[in-house]
Structures are given as structure tokens and as C-alpha cells.
Protein backbone atom coordinates (compact mmCIF):
# COMPACT_ATOMS: atom_id res chain seq x y z
CA MET A 1 -10.53 -37.52 -33.66
CA THR A 2 -9.17 -36.03 -36.86
CA THR A 3 -8.36 -32.66 -37.86
CA SER A 4 -9.90 -30.66 -40.69
CA PRO A 5 -10.24 -27.09 -41.97
CA ALA A 6 -12.68 -25.24 -40.15
CA ALA A 7 -13.83 -21.34 -39.65
CA PRO A 8 -13.56 -18.34 -37.51
CA ALA A 9 -15.60 -16.92 -34.73
CA PRO A 10 -16.73 -13.64 -33.18
CA PRO A 11 -14.21 -11.01 -32.02
CA THR A 12 -14.39 -12.15 -28.38
CA THR A 13 -13.02 -15.68 -29.40
CA THR A 14 -9.86 -17.03 -31.14
CA PRO A 15 -10.76 -19.16 -33.98
CA THR A 16 -8.05 -21.42 -35.78
CA THR A 17 -7.84 -24.54 -37.71
CA ALA A 18 -5.31 -27.33 -37.42
CA PRO A 19 -2.51 -28.03 -40.31
CA GLU A 20 -4.07 -29.91 -43.27
CA PRO A 21 -2.63 -33.33 -42.36
CA GLN A 22 -4.77 -35.50 -40.04
CA LEU A 23 -4.04 -36.70 -36.53
CA SER A 24 -6.14 -38.99 -34.22
CA PHE A 25 -6.62 -38.07 -30.53
CA THR A 26 -7.57 -40.94 -28.41
CA GLU A 27 -7.63 -39.43 -24.98
CA PRO A 28 -7.96 -36.02 -23.37
CA GLY A 29 -4.60 -35.37 -22.47
CA GLU A 30 -3.31 -35.56 -26.01
CA LEU A 31 -6.09 -33.07 -27.16
CA ILE A 32 -5.11 -30.64 -24.37
CA ALA A 33 -1.53 -30.81 -25.47
CA ALA A 34 -2.55 -30.05 -29.24
CA VAL A 35 -4.40 -26.87 -28.22
CA PRO A 36 -1.52 -24.47 -28.47
CA HIS A 37 -0.95 -25.56 -31.96
CA LEU A 38 -4.47 -25.45 -33.02
CA LEU A 39 -4.57 -21.67 -31.64
CA GLY A 40 -1.12 -20.59 -32.55
CA PHE A 41 -0.30 -19.83 -28.95
CA THR A 42 -0.56 -21.24 -25.39
CA PRO A 43 -3.68 -19.94 -23.80
CA SER A 44 -4.05 -18.98 -20.25
CA ASP A 45 -7.17 -18.12 -18.20
CA SER A 46 -9.26 -19.01 -21.09
CA ILE A 47 -12.13 -21.13 -21.94
CA VAL A 48 -11.67 -23.24 -25.19
CA LEU A 49 -14.14 -24.82 -27.36
CA ILE A 50 -13.16 -27.23 -29.88
CA THR A 51 -16.12 -28.25 -32.36
CA LEU A 52 -16.69 -31.75 -33.53
CA THR A 53 -18.44 -32.55 -36.84
CA GLY A 54 -19.05 -35.66 -38.99
CA PRO A 55 -21.36 -38.51 -38.35
CA ASP A 56 -19.01 -40.04 -35.82
CA LEU A 57 -17.88 -37.00 -34.26
CA THR A 58 -14.16 -37.62 -35.59
CA MET A 59 -13.55 -34.34 -37.42
CA ILE A 60 -12.22 -31.15 -35.58
CA GLY A 61 -13.89 -27.97 -36.76
CA ALA A 62 -13.25 -24.61 -35.42
CA THR A 63 -11.26 -24.12 -32.21
CA LEU A 64 -12.64 -21.23 -30.29
CA ARG A 65 -10.90 -19.27 -27.33
CA ALA A 66 -12.09 -16.49 -25.19
CA ASP A 67 -10.89 -14.80 -21.83
CA LEU A 68 -12.40 -16.16 -18.70
CA PRO A 69 -15.22 -13.90 -17.98
CA PRO A 70 -16.01 -12.38 -14.46
CA PRO A 71 -19.11 -14.05 -12.93
CA ASP A 72 -21.53 -11.35 -13.98
CA GLN A 73 -20.57 -11.96 -17.67
CA VAL A 74 -20.88 -15.78 -17.57
CA PRO A 75 -24.50 -15.94 -19.10
CA ALA A 76 -23.39 -13.40 -22.01
CA MET A 77 -20.32 -15.55 -22.67
CA ALA A 78 -22.25 -18.58 -23.05
CA ARG A 79 -24.70 -17.18 -25.44
CA ARG A 80 -21.87 -15.55 -27.44
CA LEU A 81 -19.96 -18.95 -27.79
CA LEU A 82 -23.06 -20.65 -29.05
CA VAL A 83 -23.17 -18.30 -32.27
CA PRO A 84 -20.03 -19.48 -34.09
CA VAL A 85 -20.84 -23.19 -33.01
CA LEU A 86 -24.07 -23.15 -34.66
CA ARG A 87 -22.84 -21.43 -37.62
CA HIS A 88 -20.69 -24.42 -38.78
CA ASP A 89 -23.07 -27.42 -38.25
CA THR A 90 -21.33 -28.50 -35.10
CA THR A 91 -22.55 -31.73 -33.84
CA ALA A 92 -20.68 -31.74 -30.53
CA THR A 93 -17.77 -30.03 -28.55
CA VAL A 94 -14.96 -30.38 -26.20
CA LEU A 95 -15.35 -27.81 -23.66
CA MET A 96 -11.96 -26.83 -21.90
CA VAL A 97 -11.12 -24.35 -19.20
CA VAL A 98 -7.47 -23.29 -18.80
CA GLY A 99 -6.57 -21.54 -15.41
CA GLY A 100 -7.49 -21.49 -11.86
CA ALA A 101 -6.86 -24.12 -9.11
CA LEU A 102 -8.32 -27.24 -7.70
CA GLN A 103 -10.41 -26.54 -4.55
CA ASP A 104 -9.97 -29.60 -2.24
CA GLU A 105 -13.04 -32.00 -2.95
CA SER A 106 -15.19 -29.61 -4.87
CA GLY A 107 -13.50 -30.43 -8.28
CA PRO A 108 -12.25 -28.24 -11.00
CA PRO A 109 -12.83 -24.48 -10.72
CA HIS A 110 -15.18 -22.32 -13.02
CA ARG A 111 -17.96 -25.03 -12.94
CA ASP A 112 -20.52 -22.33 -13.17
CA LEU A 113 -19.06 -21.25 -16.54
CA VAL A 114 -18.98 -24.93 -17.81
CA ASP A 115 -22.58 -25.51 -16.84
CA ALA A 116 -23.75 -22.24 -18.37
CA VAL A 117 -21.99 -23.05 -21.65
CA ALA A 118 -23.09 -26.56 -21.74
CA ASP A 119 -26.86 -25.64 -20.94
CA GLU A 120 -26.60 -23.00 -23.82
CA LEU A 121 -25.11 -25.64 -26.14
CA ALA A 122 -27.81 -28.16 -25.32
CA GLU A 123 -30.53 -25.65 -26.02
CA GLY A 124 -29.00 -25.27 -29.44
CA GLY A 125 -28.76 -29.06 -30.03
CA VAL A 126 -25.14 -29.50 -29.47
CA ALA A 127 -23.63 -32.12 -27.08
CA VAL A 128 -20.57 -31.67 -24.88
CA ALA A 129 -18.40 -34.72 -25.53
CA TRP A 130 -15.65 -33.84 -22.91
CA ALA A 131 -15.63 -31.04 -20.46
CA LEU A 132 -11.92 -30.68 -19.11
CA TRP A 133 -10.06 -28.36 -17.00
CA VAL A 134 -6.26 -27.78 -16.72
CA ALA A 135 -4.36 -25.20 -14.87
CA ALA A 136 -1.77 -24.59 -17.51
CA ILE A 137 -0.93 -26.47 -20.87
CA GLU A 138 2.48 -27.74 -19.95
CA ASP A 139 4.18 -30.95 -19.73
CA GLY A 140 3.10 -32.89 -16.62
CA ALA A 141 0.29 -30.51 -15.66
CA PRO A 142 -2.75 -32.37 -14.16
CA TRP A 143 -5.90 -32.26 -15.90
CA ARG A 144 -9.42 -33.03 -14.69
CA SER A 145 -12.77 -33.84 -16.08
CA TYR A 146 -16.10 -32.02 -15.04
CA GLY A 147 -17.98 -35.14 -15.55
CA GLU A 148 -19.52 -37.29 -12.67
CA GLU A 149 -16.72 -39.69 -12.82
CA GLN A 150 -14.13 -36.79 -12.09
CA GLY A 151 -11.56 -38.65 -14.21
CA GLY A 152 -8.01 -37.09 -14.85
CA GLY A 153 -4.51 -37.43 -15.87
CA VAL A 154 -1.38 -35.44 -16.93
CA VAL A 155 -0.71 -33.57 -19.99
CA PRO A 156 2.00 -34.92 -22.34
CA ASP A 157 4.68 -32.58 -23.54
CA PRO A 158 3.17 -30.07 -26.07
CA SER A 159 6.22 -29.42 -27.68
CA ALA A 160 6.53 -33.08 -28.48
CA SER A 161 3.10 -33.81 -29.77
CA GLY A 162 2.08 -35.04 -33.11
CA MET A 163 0.33 -31.53 -33.83
CA ALA A 164 3.51 -29.67 -32.83
CA HIS A 165 5.55 -31.66 -35.58
CA LEU A 166 2.67 -30.91 -38.14
CA ALA A 167 2.95 -27.24 -37.37
CA THR A 168 6.76 -27.08 -37.60
CA ALA A 169 6.63 -28.97 -40.69
CA SER A 170 4.29 -26.53 -42.12
CA GLY A 171 6.18 -23.54 -41.02
CA ILE A 172 3.65 -22.47 -38.52
CA VAL A 173 4.98 -20.94 -35.24
CA THR A 174 3.29 -21.73 -31.84
CA TYR A 175 3.92 -18.66 -29.55
CA PRO A 176 4.33 -19.05 -25.80
CA SER A 177 1.38 -16.67 -25.12
CA ARG A 178 -1.16 -14.38 -26.86
CA ASP A 179 0.99 -11.27 -25.95
CA GLU A 180 4.02 -12.80 -27.91
CA LEU A 181 1.64 -13.43 -30.90
CA ALA A 182 0.55 -9.70 -30.73
CA ALA A 183 4.25 -8.56 -30.86
CA THR A 184 4.48 -9.98 -34.37
CA VAL A 185 2.12 -7.11 -35.71
CA ALA A 186 3.36 -4.35 -33.11
CA PRO A 187 4.70 -1.38 -34.96
CA ASP A 188 8.41 -0.34 -35.15
CA PRO A 189 9.50 2.64 -32.80
CA PRO A 190 7.74 5.96 -33.61
CA VAL A 191 11.17 7.49 -34.54
CA LEU A 192 11.77 4.95 -37.13
CA LEU A 193 8.28 5.13 -38.61
CA ALA A 194 8.56 8.87 -38.77
CA GLU A 195 11.70 8.73 -40.77
CA ARG A 196 10.14 6.03 -43.26
CA ALA A 197 6.96 8.09 -43.67
CA GLU A 198 9.26 10.94 -45.19
CA ALA A 199 10.84 8.50 -47.50
CA VAL A 200 7.67 6.75 -48.56
CA ASP A 201 5.96 10.04 -49.40
CA ALA A 202 8.86 11.00 -51.37
CA HIS A 203 9.06 7.82 -53.25
CA ALA A 204 5.24 7.97 -53.72
CA ALA A 205 5.70 11.41 -55.41
CA ASP A 206 8.54 10.11 -57.60
CA ALA A 207 6.53 7.18 -58.95
CA ALA A 208 3.25 9.01 -59.48
CA GLY A 209 4.21 9.89 -63.13
CA ASP A 210 5.99 6.62 -63.90
CA VAL A 211 4.03 4.34 -66.00
CA GLU A 212 6.45 1.34 -65.16
CA SER A 213 6.18 1.71 -61.34
CA GLU A 214 3.39 -0.83 -61.04
CA ALA A 215 4.98 -3.51 -62.91
CA ARG A 216 8.18 -2.98 -60.87
CA GLY A 217 6.17 -3.23 -57.79
CA VAL A 218 4.68 -6.58 -58.80
CA ARG A 219 8.27 -7.93 -59.43
CA LEU A 220 9.63 -6.53 -56.29
CA MET A 221 6.72 -8.15 -54.27
CA ARG A 222 6.98 -11.50 -55.82
CA ASP A 223 10.88 -11.50 -55.49
CA THR A 224 10.46 -10.57 -51.78
CA VAL A 225 8.04 -13.36 -51.29
CA ARG A 226 10.34 -16.00 -52.86
CA ARG A 227 13.24 -14.77 -50.60
CA ALA A 228 11.06 -15.19 -47.65
CA ALA A 229 10.25 -18.73 -48.65
CA LEU A 230 13.92 -19.54 -48.46
CA ASP A 231 14.45 -18.87 -44.78
CA VAL A 232 10.99 -19.82 -43.37
CA GLY A 233 11.64 -21.06 -39.69
CA ARG A 234 14.42 -18.58 -39.19
CA GLY A 235 12.41 -16.06 -37.02
CA PRO A 236 10.90 -12.72 -37.89
CA LEU A 237 11.70 -11.58 -41.44
CA GLU A 238 13.85 -8.43 -41.63
CA LEU A 239 13.61 -6.28 -44.78
CA ASP A 240 16.02 -3.54 -45.81
CA GLU A 241 14.91 0.09 -45.76
CA ASP A 242 14.75 0.51 -49.52
CA THR A 243 12.57 -2.52 -49.94
CA VAL A 244 10.13 -1.49 -47.13
CA VAL A 245 9.60 1.87 -48.78
CA ARG A 246 9.19 0.68 -52.17
CA LEU A 247 6.74 -2.02 -51.25
CA ALA A 248 4.82 0.36 -49.10
CA VAL A 249 4.14 2.49 -52.38
CA ALA A 250 3.71 -0.69 -54.41
CA LEU A 251 0.79 -1.83 -52.42
CA SER A 252 -1.33 1.04 -53.43
CA TYR A 253 -1.33 -0.33 -56.96
CA PRO A 254 -4.29 -2.52 -58.02
CA ARG A 255 -2.01 -5.06 -59.74
CA VAL A 256 0.18 -5.45 -56.84
CA ARG A 257 -2.73 -5.98 -54.48
CA ASP A 258 -4.24 -8.56 -56.77
CA VAL A 259 -0.86 -10.52 -57.03
CA CYS A 260 -0.76 -10.42 -53.15
CA LEU A 261 -4.20 -11.62 -52.92
CA ARG A 262 -3.46 -14.56 -55.10
CA LEU A 263 -0.20 -15.37 -52.99
CA ALA A 264 -2.41 -15.37 -49.94
CA GLY A 265 -4.59 -17.92 -51.44
CA GLN A 266 -1.70 -20.30 -52.29
CA PRO A 267 -1.65 -23.69 -50.53
CA GLU A 268 1.35 -22.81 -48.49
CA PRO A 269 1.06 -18.98 -47.71
CA ILE A 270 3.46 -18.93 -44.82
CA ALA A 271 6.17 -16.91 -46.94
CA ALA A 272 3.77 -14.40 -48.04
CA GLU A 273 2.32 -14.21 -44.38
CA ARG A 274 5.88 -13.47 -43.09
CA VAL A 275 6.37 -10.59 -45.70
CA TRP A 276 2.96 -9.13 -44.71
CA ALA A 277 3.86 -9.31 -41.05
CA ALA A 278 7.16 -7.70 -41.59
CA LEU A 279 5.77 -4.76 -43.68
CA THR A 280 2.75 -4.41 -40.91
CA ARG A 281 5.51 -3.63 -38.40
CA ALA A 282 7.79 -1.55 -40.59
CA ILE A 283 5.58 0.59 -42.77
CA PRO A 284 4.24 3.68 -41.14
CA PRO A 285 0.50 4.68 -41.11
CA PRO A 286 -1.60 5.02 -43.09
CA TRP A 287 0.48 2.99 -45.64
CA CYS A 288 0.56 0.05 -43.44
CA SER A 289 -3.14 -0.66 -43.73
CA GLU A 290 -2.69 -2.58 -46.96
CA ALA A 291 0.02 -4.97 -45.49
CA ALA A 292 -2.07 -5.45 -42.36
CA LEU A 293 -5.17 -6.15 -44.31
CA LEU A 294 -3.11 -8.62 -46.44
CA LEU A 295 -1.96 -10.38 -43.26
CA ALA A 296 -5.49 -10.43 -41.73
CA ILE A 297 -6.80 -12.06 -44.95
CA THR A 298 -3.93 -14.70 -45.30
CA ALA A 299 -4.12 -15.71 -41.51
CA TYR A 300 -7.99 -15.87 -41.76
CA LEU A 301 -7.90 -18.06 -44.67
CA ARG A 302 -5.33 -20.38 -43.04
CA GLY A 303 -7.67 -20.61 -39.96
CA ASP A 304 -5.60 -18.42 -37.64
CA GLY A 305 -8.25 -16.06 -36.25
CA ALA A 306 -6.26 -14.58 -33.46
CA LEU A 307 -3.62 -13.26 -35.90
CA ALA A 308 -6.39 -12.17 -38.33
CA GLY A 309 -8.08 -10.13 -35.66
CA MET A 310 -4.90 -8.54 -34.44
CA ALA A 311 -3.79 -7.68 -37.99
CA VAL A 312 -7.19 -6.21 -39.05
CA ASP A 313 -7.26 -4.00 -35.96
CA ARG A 314 -3.81 -2.76 -37.05
CA ALA A 315 -5.16 -1.93 -40.55
CA LEU A 316 -8.13 -0.10 -38.99
CA GLU A 317 -5.82 1.87 -36.50
CA ALA A 318 -3.85 3.16 -39.45
CA ASP A 319 -6.77 3.84 -41.57
CA GLU A 320 -10.27 3.77 -39.93
CA ALA A 321 -11.87 4.36 -43.21
CA HIS A 322 -10.34 1.70 -45.18
CA PRO A 323 -13.56 0.01 -46.60
CA LEU A 324 -12.07 -3.43 -47.11
CA ALA A 325 -10.54 -3.56 -43.63
CA GLY A 326 -14.10 -2.80 -42.36
CA LEU A 327 -15.57 -5.54 -44.32
CA VAL A 328 -12.90 -8.08 -43.23
CA ARG A 329 -13.57 -7.00 -39.41
CA TRP A 330 -17.44 -7.61 -40.21
CA ALA A 331 -16.54 -11.02 -41.61
CA LEU A 332 -14.62 -11.90 -38.37
CA ASN A 333 -17.65 -10.64 -36.35
CA LEU A 334 -20.08 -12.83 -38.21
CA SER A 335 -17.91 -15.72 -38.22
CA MET A 336 -17.84 -15.99 -42.02
CA ARG A 337 -16.36 -19.20 -43.51
CA PRO A 338 -12.95 -18.67 -45.16
CA ASP A 339 -14.18 -19.64 -48.47
CA GLN A 340 -16.87 -17.02 -48.39
CA LEU A 341 -14.51 -14.37 -47.20
CA ARG A 342 -12.13 -15.27 -50.10
CA ARG A 343 -15.16 -14.66 -52.62
CA LEU A 344 -16.06 -11.57 -50.87
CA VAL A 345 -12.57 -10.12 -51.00
CA GLU A 346 -12.01 -10.98 -54.44
CA ARG A 347 -15.07 -9.18 -55.55
CA SER A 348 -14.09 -6.10 -53.58
CA TYR A 349 -10.66 -6.02 -55.13
CA ALA A 350 -12.19 -6.38 -58.51
CA LEU A 351 -14.64 -3.55 -58.02
CA ALA A 352 -11.93 -1.34 -56.49
CA GLU A 353 -9.75 -2.04 -59.44
CA ARG A 354 -12.59 -1.06 -61.88
CA SER A 355 -13.19 2.12 -59.82
CA ASP A 356 -9.36 2.95 -60.02
CA ALA A 357 -9.31 2.48 -63.74
CA ALA A 358 -12.40 4.51 -64.27
CA THR A 359 -11.09 7.59 -62.48
CA THR A 360 -7.86 7.72 -64.38
CA PRO A 361 -7.39 10.20 -67.17
CA ASP A 362 -8.04 7.73 -69.90
CA GLY A 363 -10.78 5.93 -68.08
CA SER A 364 -14.48 6.06 -68.90
CA GLY A 365 -15.59 7.52 -65.43
């Protein structure tokens, strides 16, 4: 199988894509070891669907993840997983369960879920190429097939896989768990945020009558992203207090948001993404909604639906009336393709900029 860009899924799933360079997978254990790097974190107690496309089923499309459902929710989960699969012209899938234990001679656990999802996919015209179970995705863990042959093997070291090397070379971090990924967008302590809120409000008041403040904001944002690019791979980005306060206000300017959106669309957006993540943690609400939204958009365009969903939720927590954050959440819910989202966001920013210009004293509105 060969990796290729793919698209997101509904909010109950975690969509992702592999790094752009291509790898081939020749046996299930190798594919299982690649899953943490496809998702951006090591899943547990999860159902994972890897969609296959192309005439010879060699292209990986979207990788979807959802929590293992309780028994009474199995049919609903099966129907829900079918929706993003059909949206992206999927020919076949690899179905994987992570979690549970082998039960003597009865084979892998959660067979009812696997059967329900496979039946739902079959009704939608999608075949299941492999149906696999693994207790945990770690070096030496046993895996089993749900097929009649009951084949199996052991998982090779995920940290030494080809996908791990590609992710590292691309500057992409694979987190040990979903909780550790969530911590990358968790807000700073309330005391710090309260102090910064006063500083941000004061800076915003000072900048209100300064005609050069928007241009300075553009320069500061570009400089910050350049600096972030120099230390990619050195852990979470730390910004000084003055930079946080100034960028919080700068993100309220249309030109700064436009520059940020263009940075998010660059071939290697990791540096910009690290800046958005740092600002999402550091800026107090409601100001942090813009940084969180940029993080969501960047992650979505890169194919990291897990981070995108967390970031857009953070944006809506900070400002539940933010129209573009609501639009991005809607796009995730609909499994909109990244290229479609890009066009939608660009149009929305352009409309917002024209609206801002029309309501200024010298505008036409």
C-alpha cells in the first residue's frame, strides 16, 4: 500500500493523513505499527478504519478513529463510520480494533463491532481487505486477524517504522496518547490568563488609534513564525509575554489573519502550526479564538483531524459566536475535503475583510 493525502471525518472519528512521501506496506503488522503516525497519537480502546483507494487498492486515503462503543451503540457506530468512507470514493478498507484481550479459542474480542461495521460497509459497496485486532500498538504485541484463517503475528517497533522516520523528518510529533495531544491546546493556568487579559486589553486600547499597528502586527507574526522554524523538533514553542500580548491583538486585524492563512497553506506549515498552538495555550479568551481557529485550519489542511477538532472546540469555548469557528466545526462534521475547506475559509476571510473595510469611518458602508 502507498500513502497519499486524504480527508477528514465526522466529530466522532479522528481523521488524518500520512506525510507526503510514499511508503509501501506488505503485511498487517507493518500497517498496525504505522497507525500512531497516521493518527498523530497512539490509540487505545479504539476502532480504526484505514480507507484504500485506487484501481489496485494501493493508496491510503483517510484514517478514521473512534472510541470503542458500548454494545447498545454498535449499530449506530457502524452507520456513522460509513458516512466519511463513502464521501471519499473508498474502494476498500482495513478495519482494526485496538484494545481488549483474547478469549481462549473464541478469537479476537469485539467481533460484534467488526461484523456490524463490515456489514454496513458491504451495503455501501465497500469491501474489507483486512480485519485486524491488537491489544495495544507497541513493539512485540500480538495481532490477530478476524478472518476465517485466524492468522496473526507480532507488531514491529512503531518508533522504528518507516512511517515514524517520515513523520520525524517532516517535523510531525507523534504523541503517546490522545490525552497528551489534547494537552498541546490546553490553556495556561487561570492566574496567568487573567494577568494577560489585562495586558491585552490595554495594548488593544493603545493600538486602536495607531494606523501602523496592523503593519507591525504582520511583521511580528512573520518574524515569530520564522523563529519557530529554526527550532522545530525542540518541544513546545515558548513565547515571551510581550510577544503573546502583541500577537493577541495583531490577530484581530484582517491583514494579519490573511497572512496567517497563507502561512497555514504553505507546503511545510509545521512552524506556523507551532506558533498557533503556543498562542492557543497562552492567549486569554476571547482573544485566543483566532489562534485556535488558525491551528484548527492548519491541522485540518495537513490532515490531522484529531488536533483540528480539539482546536476548533477551543476556539468555540473562547467565543461561541465566532462565525468562522462554527463554519470549520460544520466542515469537520460533514467530512469536507481539505481543498474544499481551504476555498471556503479563503472566501470567508475575504468577505470578513470587505465587511471590516465597509464599516470603518472612510468605508462605503
